[in-house]
Amino acid sequence: MTKILTEDAFHSGDVPVYTQQCAENSTRFKMKEGIANVLYLPAHKNSEAPKGQQGSGELVGKWLYNEQPDKQEGLLKSSIELFMDSSLAPNASVGLHTHLDSEEIYYLLEGQLTIGLIDKEGKVITQIITPGDTHLIQPGESHFVEAGEEGARFIVVAAKVPLKSNSKSRTSR
């Protein structure tokens, strides 16, 4: 049986994203027994959000790879910050949150998700996605997510987007 960590124990403690299961190829292969499984009650709780967008219920996130500052593994060389396998309980939701300098992709494997996307102009777009569908959130946008009656399982990939500089780069002659 896989051990499930609390959000606080994982993010505030010294629990690693992965506990090595074999000596060979430990940076190229991760065995499921060593991957951190974290319970969020709820994910992205936001008491300031409008009713229905605050986050509720359970989400279990399997942290497959993490390059975010609090749990940086140092394995990925790209701008990918996280790669997760997430399971949202029936009718549970991820609270409204904004992506300032990252983009995120959801790929739905099982169940159904109702997604509320708030674009940069403040327009709310609601979309139901089913297995095989994706959702993209770009920097400066916000979103909230609710699982259907059967819950949902989805892959999440997030990547850091470099902030654009106002200065133009110069080349030497």
Protein backbone atom coordinates (compact mmCIF):
# COMPACT_ATOMS: atom_id res chain seq x y z
CA MET A 1 0.00 0.00 0.00
CA THR A 2 1.31 3.44 -0.93
CA LYS A 3 1.89 5.92 1.89
CA ILE A 4 0.05 9.21 1.45
CA LEU A 5 1.65 12.31 2.99
CA THR A 6 -0.17 15.39 4.22
CA GLU A 7 0.35 18.63 2.32
CA ASP A 8 2.11 20.19 5.32
CA ALA A 9 4.43 17.20 5.89
CA PHE A 10 5.48 17.24 2.24
CA HIS A 11 5.84 20.96 1.56
CA SER A 12 7.11 22.09 4.98
CA GLY A 13 9.18 19.06 5.86
CA ASP A 14 12.24 17.37 4.44
CA VAL A 15 10.33 14.58 2.66
CA PRO A 16 11.81 14.11 -0.82
CA VAL A 17 9.82 14.03 -4.07
CA TYR A 18 11.30 10.59 -4.67
CA THR A 19 12.87 8.01 -2.39
CA GLN A 20 15.34 6.00 -4.44
CA GLN A 21 14.28 2.37 -4.96
CA CYS A 22 17.26 1.11 -6.95
CA ALA A 23 20.87 2.26 -7.31
CA GLU A 24 21.13 1.91 -11.08
CA ASN A 25 19.61 4.58 -13.33
CA SER A 26 18.11 6.40 -10.33
CA THR A 27 17.89 9.67 -12.26
CA ARG A 28 16.33 8.12 -15.36
CA PHE A 29 13.74 5.79 -13.83
CA LYS A 30 11.49 6.22 -10.82
CA MET A 31 9.71 3.25 -9.30
CA LYS A 32 6.14 3.88 -8.11
CA GLU A 33 6.94 2.81 -4.55
CA GLY A 34 9.31 5.76 -4.11
CA ILE A 35 7.13 8.53 -5.59
CA ALA A 36 5.65 11.03 -3.09
CA ASN A 37 1.85 10.89 -2.89
CA VAL A 38 0.41 13.99 -1.23
CA LEU A 39 -3.12 14.60 0.07
CA TYR A 40 -4.48 18.13 -0.37
CA LEU A 41 -7.62 19.08 1.61
CA PRO A 42 -8.44 20.92 -0.64
CA ALA A 43 -5.99 21.84 -3.39
CA HIS A 44 -5.37 25.60 -3.68
CA LYS A 45 -7.80 26.56 -0.91
CA ASN A 46 -8.88 30.16 -1.49
CA SER A 47 -11.25 31.58 1.14
CA GLU A 48 -11.30 34.92 -0.72
CA ALA A 49 -12.70 33.42 -3.94
CA PRO A 50 -16.40 33.55 -4.80
CA LYS A 51 -18.57 30.71 -3.49
CA GLY A 52 -18.02 27.56 -5.55
CA GLN A 53 -14.46 28.60 -6.44
CA GLN A 54 -12.82 28.25 -3.01
CA GLY A 55 -11.71 24.62 -3.30
CA SER A 56 -13.19 21.61 -1.50
CA GLY A 57 -12.71 17.89 -1.01
CA GLU A 58 -9.63 15.74 -1.61
CA LEU A 59 -6.94 15.75 -4.25
CA VAL A 60 -4.10 13.22 -4.18
CA GLY A 61 -1.10 14.33 -6.20
CA LYS A 62 1.65 11.94 -7.25
CA TRP A 63 4.73 14.15 -7.63
CA LEU A 64 6.44 12.47 -10.58
CA TYR A 65 8.98 15.28 -11.11
CA ASN A 66 9.34 18.61 -9.33
CA GLU A 67 11.64 21.54 -10.06
CA GLN A 68 9.74 24.11 -7.99
CA PRO A 69 11.99 25.95 -5.52
CA ASP A 70 10.63 24.26 -2.38
CA LYS A 71 11.29 20.69 -3.62
CA GLN A 72 13.68 21.09 -6.55
CA GLU A 73 15.13 17.75 -7.65
CA GLY A 74 17.65 19.12 -10.17
CA LEU A 75 16.82 16.41 -12.72
CA LEU A 76 15.09 18.34 -15.50
CA LYS A 77 17.08 20.72 -17.68
CA SER A 78 14.06 22.40 -19.34
CA SER A 79 11.68 25.00 -17.89
CA ILE A 80 9.28 22.29 -16.65
CA GLU A 81 8.50 22.92 -12.97
CA LEU A 82 6.24 19.99 -12.19
CA PHE A 83 4.83 16.80 -13.64
CA MET A 84 2.01 15.26 -11.58
CA ASP A 85 -0.58 12.51 -11.71
CA SER A 86 -3.57 13.96 -9.83
CA SER A 87 -6.77 12.34 -8.59
CA LEU A 88 -9.63 14.60 -7.54
CA ALA A 89 -12.40 13.01 -5.43
CA PRO A 90 -16.02 13.06 -6.68
CA ASN A 91 -17.39 16.63 -6.72
CA ALA A 92 -14.16 17.97 -5.16
CA SER A 93 -12.59 21.13 -6.51
CA VAL A 94 -9.31 22.98 -6.91
CA GLY A 95 -9.66 26.55 -5.64
CA LEU A 96 -9.30 29.62 -7.81
CA HIS A 97 -5.65 30.55 -8.32
CA THR A 98 -3.57 32.60 -10.73
CA HIS A 99 -0.53 31.58 -12.75
CA LEU A 100 1.75 34.60 -12.78
CA ASP A 101 4.86 33.29 -14.53
CA SER A 102 4.00 29.73 -15.50
CA GLU A 103 1.80 27.89 -17.92
CA GLU A 104 0.05 24.67 -17.01
CA ILE A 105 -1.50 21.84 -18.99
CA TYR A 106 -4.09 19.35 -17.73
CA TYR A 107 -4.62 16.10 -19.63
CA LEU A 108 -7.74 14.26 -18.43
CA LEU A 109 -7.35 10.47 -18.11
CA GLU A 110 -10.55 9.53 -16.25
CA GLY A 111 -13.79 11.17 -15.14
CA GLN A 112 -14.94 14.68 -15.92
CA LEU A 113 -13.73 18.18 -15.02
CA THR A 114 -15.59 21.47 -15.18
CA ILE A 115 -13.02 24.21 -15.60
CA GLY A 116 -13.53 27.90 -15.08
CA LEU A 117 -10.83 29.91 -16.84
CA ILE A 118 -10.49 33.64 -16.21
CA ASP A 119 -8.51 35.19 -19.04
CA LYS A 120 -6.28 38.26 -18.83
CA GLU A 121 -9.24 40.55 -19.61
CA GLY A 122 -11.31 39.04 -16.77
CA LYS A 123 -13.65 37.05 -19.00
CA VAL A 124 -14.80 33.77 -17.41
CA ILE A 125 -14.88 30.79 -19.78
CA THR A 126 -16.44 27.57 -18.46
CA GLN A 127 -15.71 24.27 -20.19
CA ILE A 128 -16.42 20.63 -19.36
CA ILE A 129 -13.65 18.25 -20.39
CA THR A 130 -13.75 14.46 -20.64
CA PRO A 131 -11.01 11.80 -21.03
CA GLY A 132 -8.57 12.69 -23.80
CA ASP A 133 -9.30 16.44 -23.56
CA THR A 134 -6.76 19.04 -22.39
CA HIS A 135 -6.80 22.41 -20.64
CA LEU A 136 -4.10 25.08 -21.04
CA ILE A 137 -3.64 27.99 -18.66
CA GLN A 138 -1.21 30.72 -19.62
CA PRO A 139 0.68 33.30 -17.54
CA GLY A 140 -1.60 35.97 -16.11
CA GLU A 141 -4.69 33.74 -16.21
CA SER A 142 -6.62 32.17 -13.33
CA HIS A 143 -8.62 28.97 -13.09
CA PHE A 144 -10.69 26.76 -10.79
CA VAL A 145 -11.57 23.13 -11.40
CA GLU A 146 -14.35 20.81 -10.22
CA ALA A 147 -14.56 17.04 -10.65
CA GLY A 148 -17.75 15.32 -11.73
CA GLU A 149 -19.74 12.72 -9.78
CA GLU A 150 -17.13 10.01 -10.47
CA GLY A 151 -14.12 12.16 -9.63
CA ALA A 152 -11.28 12.73 -12.08
CA ARG A 153 -7.72 11.67 -12.75
CA PHE A 154 -5.47 13.95 -14.78
CA ILE A 155 -1.85 14.67 -15.61
CA VAL A 156 -0.56 18.16 -14.84
CA VAL A 157 2.56 19.65 -16.44
CA ALA A 158 3.66 23.17 -15.53
CA ALA A 159 6.52 25.15 -17.02
CA LYS A 160 8.11 28.43 -16.01
CA VAL A 161 7.74 31.19 -18.61
CA PRO A 162 10.58 33.72 -18.60
CA LEU A 163 9.40 37.23 -17.80
CA LYS A 164 9.93 39.55 -20.74
CA SER A 165 12.54 42.22 -20.20
CA ASN A 166 11.97 45.80 -21.34
CA SER A 167 15.58 46.18 -22.37
CA LYS A 168 16.77 45.03 -25.77
CA SER A 169 19.78 42.77 -25.85
CA ARG A 170 22.85 43.96 -27.70
CA THR A 171 25.30 41.92 -29.68
CA SER A 172 29.03 42.62 -29.95
CA ARG A 173 30.52 43.49 -33.31
